[in-house]
Amino acid sequence: MNPLTAEWIEKASADLATAGREMRVRKDPNYDAVCFHSQQCVEKLLKAALLECGKDIFRTHDLSHLLDLILPEQPLWEVYRFGFQKLVSYAVEFRYPGENADKEMARTALKTANDFSAEFRANFGLGKQK
C-alpha cells in the first residue's frame, strides 16, 4: 500500500473515532461534530481509494464527485450514493449558524461512515477498525 494512502486511512480512522466518541457523550453531545467527522471520514477514504488506484486526488468535499471518480474501480460502492449525499449536506449545513443536527441525523451519519469504512477496509484487505 502506498504510504500516503495509509496516511489518508489513518486520518479517516481518527475522524470516525472522534464521531463515535462524540455520539456516546451523555452530557451535551455535539451532533454537528458527529455529522462533520462522519463526512470527513468518508471523504478521506474515497481519496485514499483514488490514490491507491493511481488516480489524482484534489481538494473537494463533494462525495458524489469522488464516488463518480472511483466507481470504475469499485462499482459496488454506488449503493452508498444516497448516504454520501446526506453526509455532504450535514457537513456543510451544520458548520455555520442557523442549522443544527439532531440525534437521529448524527446516528444516520455515523452509521453511513461506519458501514463505508467497514466496506473500504474489507475491499483493501485491512482489518477491522480498532
C-alpha atoms as a PDB file:
ATOM      1  CA  MET A   1       0.000   0.000   0.000  1.00  0.00           C
ATOM      2  CA  ASN A   2       1.182   3.474  -0.877  1.00  0.00           C
ATOM      3  CA  PRO A   3       2.409   5.245   2.317  1.00  0.00           C
ATOM      4  CA  LEU A   4       0.299   8.316   1.506  1.00  0.00           C
ATOM      5  CA  THR A   5      -2.774   6.091   1.170  1.00  0.00           C
ATOM      6  CA  ALA A   6      -2.061   4.739   4.648  1.00  0.00           C
ATOM      7  CA  GLU A   7      -1.922   8.306   5.995  1.00  0.00           C
ATOM      8  CA  TRP A   8      -5.320   9.115   4.475  1.00  0.00           C
ATOM      9  CA  ILE A   9      -6.727   5.955   6.063  1.00  0.00           C
ATOM     10  CA  GLU A  10      -5.264   6.898   9.473  1.00  0.00           C
ATOM     11  CA  LYS A  11      -6.832  10.354   9.251  1.00  0.00           C
ATOM     12  CA  ALA A  12     -10.174   8.819   8.247  1.00  0.00           C
ATOM     13  CA  SER A  13      -9.980   6.391  11.170  1.00  0.00           C
ATOM     14  CA  ALA A  14      -9.325   9.271  13.555  1.00  0.00           C
ATOM     15  CA  ASP A  15     -12.379  11.131  12.218  1.00  0.00           C
ATOM     16  CA  LEU A  16     -14.519   8.037  12.651  1.00  0.00           C
ATOM     17  CA  ALA A  17     -13.265   7.530  16.195  1.00  0.00           C
ATOM     18  CA  THR A  18     -13.986  11.170  17.037  1.00  0.00           C
ATOM     19  CA  ALA A  19     -17.516  10.909  15.653  1.00  0.00           C
ATOM     20  CA  GLY A  20     -18.114   7.717  17.608  1.00  0.00           C
ATOM     21  CA  ARG A  21     -16.847   9.193  20.871  1.00  0.00           C
ATOM     22  CA  GLU A  22     -18.958  12.303  20.488  1.00  0.00           C
ATOM     23  CA  MET A  23     -22.035  10.192  19.747  1.00  0.00           C
ATOM     24  CA  ARG A  24     -21.543   8.362  23.036  1.00  0.00           C
ATOM     25  CA  VAL A  25     -21.271  11.537  25.150  1.00  0.00           C
ATOM     26  CA  ARG A  26     -24.145  11.745  27.606  1.00  0.00           C
ATOM     27  CA  LYS A  27     -23.920  15.404  28.556  1.00  0.00           C
ATOM     28  CA  ASP A  28     -24.212  17.992  25.780  1.00  0.00           C
ATOM     29  CA  PRO A  29     -23.289  15.833  22.781  1.00  0.00           C
ATOM     30  CA  ASN A  30     -22.252  17.790  19.714  1.00  0.00           C
ATOM     31  CA  TYR A  31     -24.299  16.145  16.962  1.00  0.00           C
ATOM     32  CA  ASP A  32     -22.990  18.684  14.448  1.00  0.00           C
ATOM     33  CA  ALA A  33     -19.477  17.338  15.089  1.00  0.00           C
ATOM     34  CA  VAL A  34     -20.649  13.738  14.653  1.00  0.00           C
ATOM     35  CA  CYS A  35     -22.032  14.636  11.221  1.00  0.00           C
ATOM     36  CA  PHE A  36     -18.938  16.620  10.233  1.00  0.00           C
ATOM     37  CA  HIS A  37     -16.433  13.945  11.261  1.00  0.00           C
ATOM     38  CA  SER A  38     -18.530  11.242   9.616  1.00  0.00           C
ATOM     39  CA  GLN A  39     -18.399  13.180   6.346  1.00  0.00           C
ATOM     40  CA  GLN A  40     -14.660  13.740   6.751  1.00  0.00           C
ATOM     41  CA  CYS A  41     -14.080  10.021   7.316  1.00  0.00           C
ATOM     42  CA  VAL A  42     -15.829   9.082   4.082  1.00  0.00           C
ATOM     43  CA  GLU A  43     -14.134  11.867   2.112  1.00  0.00           C
ATOM     44  CA  LYS A  44     -10.681  10.720   3.235  1.00  0.00           C
ATOM     45  CA  LEU A  45     -11.422   7.061   2.499  1.00  0.00           C
ATOM     46  CA  LEU A  46     -12.604   7.913  -1.006  1.00  0.00           C
ATOM     47  CA  LYS A  47      -9.430   9.922  -1.572  1.00  0.00           C
ATOM     48  CA  ALA A  48      -7.351   7.018  -0.231  1.00  0.00           C
ATOM     49  CA  ALA A  49      -9.081   4.657  -2.667  1.00  0.00           C
ATOM     50  CA  LEU A  50      -8.437   7.005  -5.565  1.00  0.00           C
ATOM     51  CA  LEU A  51      -4.795   7.365  -4.614  1.00  0.00           C
ATOM     52  CA  GLU A  52      -4.350   3.616  -4.228  1.00  0.00           C
ATOM     53  CA  CYS A  53      -5.854   3.111  -7.695  1.00  0.00           C
ATOM     54  CA  GLY A  54      -3.330   5.518  -9.180  1.00  0.00           C
ATOM     55  CA  LYS A  55      -5.746   8.397  -9.670  1.00  0.00           C
ATOM     56  CA  ASP A  56      -5.097  12.015  -8.801  1.00  0.00           C
ATOM     57  CA  ILE A  57      -6.755  13.496  -5.762  1.00  0.00           C
ATOM     58  CA  PHE A  58      -7.640  17.130  -5.244  1.00  0.00           C
ATOM     59  CA  ARG A  59      -9.335  19.380  -2.753  1.00  0.00           C
ATOM     60  CA  THR A  60     -13.065  18.823  -2.752  1.00  0.00           C
ATOM     61  CA  HIS A  61     -15.718  17.888  -0.229  1.00  0.00           C
ATOM     62  CA  ASP A  62     -18.127  16.640  -2.903  1.00  0.00           C
ATOM     63  CA  LEU A  63     -18.548  12.975  -2.027  1.00  0.00           C
ATOM     64  CA  SER A  64     -20.699  12.310  -5.099  1.00  0.00           C
ATOM     65  CA  HIS A  65     -17.934  13.562  -7.373  1.00  0.00           C
ATOM     66  CA  LEU A  66     -15.307  11.498  -5.562  1.00  0.00           C
ATOM     67  CA  LEU A  67     -17.597   8.478  -5.779  1.00  0.00           C
ATOM     68  CA  ASP A  68     -18.040   9.024  -9.531  1.00  0.00           C
ATOM     69  CA  LEU A  69     -14.254   9.006  -9.935  1.00  0.00           C
ATOM     70  CA  ILE A  70     -13.770   5.719  -8.064  1.00  0.00           C
ATOM     71  CA  LEU A  71     -16.811   3.833  -9.425  1.00  0.00           C
ATOM     72  CA  PRO A  72     -14.922   2.419 -12.430  1.00  0.00           C
ATOM     73  CA  GLU A  73     -12.673   0.641  -9.918  1.00  0.00           C
ATOM     74  CA  GLN A  74     -15.314  -0.018  -7.235  1.00  0.00           C
ATOM     75  CA  PRO A  75     -18.725  -0.226  -8.964  1.00  0.00           C
ATOM     76  CA  LEU A  76     -20.460  -1.783  -5.952  1.00  0.00           C
ATOM     77  CA  TRP A  77     -19.881   1.406  -3.974  1.00  0.00           C
ATOM     78  CA  GLU A  78     -22.760   3.004  -5.890  1.00  0.00           C
ATOM     79  CA  VAL A  79     -25.048   1.770  -3.087  1.00  0.00           C
ATOM     80  CA  TYR A  80     -23.542   4.446  -0.810  1.00  0.00           C
ATOM     81  CA  ARG A  81     -24.502   7.409  -3.020  1.00  0.00           C
ATOM     82  CA  PHE A  82     -27.670   8.407  -1.151  1.00  0.00           C
ATOM     83  CA  GLY A  83     -25.940   8.225   2.226  1.00  0.00           C
ATOM     84  CA  PHE A  84     -22.996  10.226   0.913  1.00  0.00           C
ATOM     85  CA  GLN A  85     -25.330  12.925  -0.403  1.00  0.00           C
ATOM     86  CA  LYS A  86     -26.810  13.231   3.093  1.00  0.00           C
ATOM     87  CA  LEU A  87     -23.337  13.461   4.620  1.00  0.00           C
ATOM     88  CA  VAL A  88     -22.382  16.347   2.353  1.00  0.00           C
ATOM     89  CA  SER A  89     -25.452  18.315   3.342  1.00  0.00           C
ATOM     90  CA  TYR A  90     -24.933  17.532   7.025  1.00  0.00           C
ATOM     91  CA  ALA A  91     -21.284  18.525   6.959  1.00  0.00           C
ATOM     92  CA  VAL A  92     -21.876  21.841   5.229  1.00  0.00           C
ATOM     93  CA  GLU A  93     -25.153  22.955   6.782  1.00  0.00           C
ATOM     94  CA  PHE A  94     -24.145  22.378  10.377  1.00  0.00           C
ATOM     95  CA  ARG A  95     -20.793  24.147  10.253  1.00  0.00           C
ATOM     96  CA  TYR A  96     -22.437  27.556  10.352  1.00  0.00           C
ATOM     97  CA  PRO A  97     -25.162  29.226  12.439  1.00  0.00           C
ATOM     98  CA  GLY A  98     -28.768  28.609  11.559  1.00  0.00           C
ATOM     99  CA  GLU A  99     -28.927  24.815  11.367  1.00  0.00           C
ATOM    100  CA  ASN A 100     -28.195  22.087  13.880  1.00  0.00           C
ATOM    101  CA  ALA A 101     -28.049  18.324  13.660  1.00  0.00           C
ATOM    102  CA  ASP A 102     -30.220  16.235  15.918  1.00  0.00           C
ATOM    103  CA  LYS A 103     -29.528  12.820  17.409  1.00  0.00           C
ATOM    104  CA  GLU A 104     -31.159  10.895  14.558  1.00  0.00           C
ATOM    105  CA  MET A 105     -29.207  12.785  11.895  1.00  0.00           C
ATOM    106  CA  ALA A 106     -25.979  12.128  13.782  1.00  0.00           C
ATOM    107  CA  ARG A 107     -26.854   8.446  14.199  1.00  0.00           C
ATOM    108  CA  THR A 108     -27.513   8.142  10.452  1.00  0.00           C
ATOM    109  CA  ALA A 109     -24.305   9.961   9.530  1.00  0.00           C
ATOM    110  CA  LEU A 110     -22.219   7.778  11.820  1.00  0.00           C
ATOM    111  CA  LYS A 111     -23.843   4.599  10.501  1.00  0.00           C
ATOM    112  CA  THR A 112     -23.050   5.612   6.925  1.00  0.00           C
ATOM    113  CA  ALA A 113     -19.423   6.300   7.837  1.00  0.00           C
ATOM    114  CA  ASN A 114     -19.100   3.062   9.833  1.00  0.00           C
ATOM    115  CA  ASP A 115     -20.668   0.971   7.064  1.00  0.00           C
ATOM    116  CA  PHE A 116     -18.490   2.502   4.362  1.00  0.00           C
ATOM    117  CA  SER A 117     -15.364   2.222   6.482  1.00  0.00           C
ATOM    118  CA  ALA A 118     -16.014  -1.499   7.002  1.00  0.00           C
ATOM    119  CA  GLU A 119     -16.583  -1.950   3.246  1.00  0.00           C
ATOM    120  CA  PHE A 120     -13.443   0.026   2.392  1.00  0.00           C
ATOM    121  CA  ARG A 121     -11.317  -1.932   4.854  1.00  0.00           C
ATOM    122  CA  ALA A 122     -12.614  -5.268   3.557  1.00  0.00           C
ATOM    123  CA  ASN A 123     -12.013  -4.186  -0.040  1.00  0.00           C
ATOM    124  CA  PHE A 124      -8.395  -3.244   0.635  1.00  0.00           C
ATOM    125  CA  GLY A 125      -7.638  -6.225   2.867  1.00  0.00           C
ATOM    126  CA  LEU A 126      -7.385  -4.235   6.066  1.00  0.00           C
ATOM    127  CA  GLY A 127      -8.539  -5.498   9.441  1.00  0.00           C
ATOM    128  CA  LYS A 128     -11.452  -4.060  11.345  1.00  0.00           C
ATOM    129  CA  GLN A 129     -11.108  -0.562  12.726  1.00  0.00           C
ATOM    130  CA  LYS A 130      -9.808  -0.526  16.283  1.00  0.00           C
END
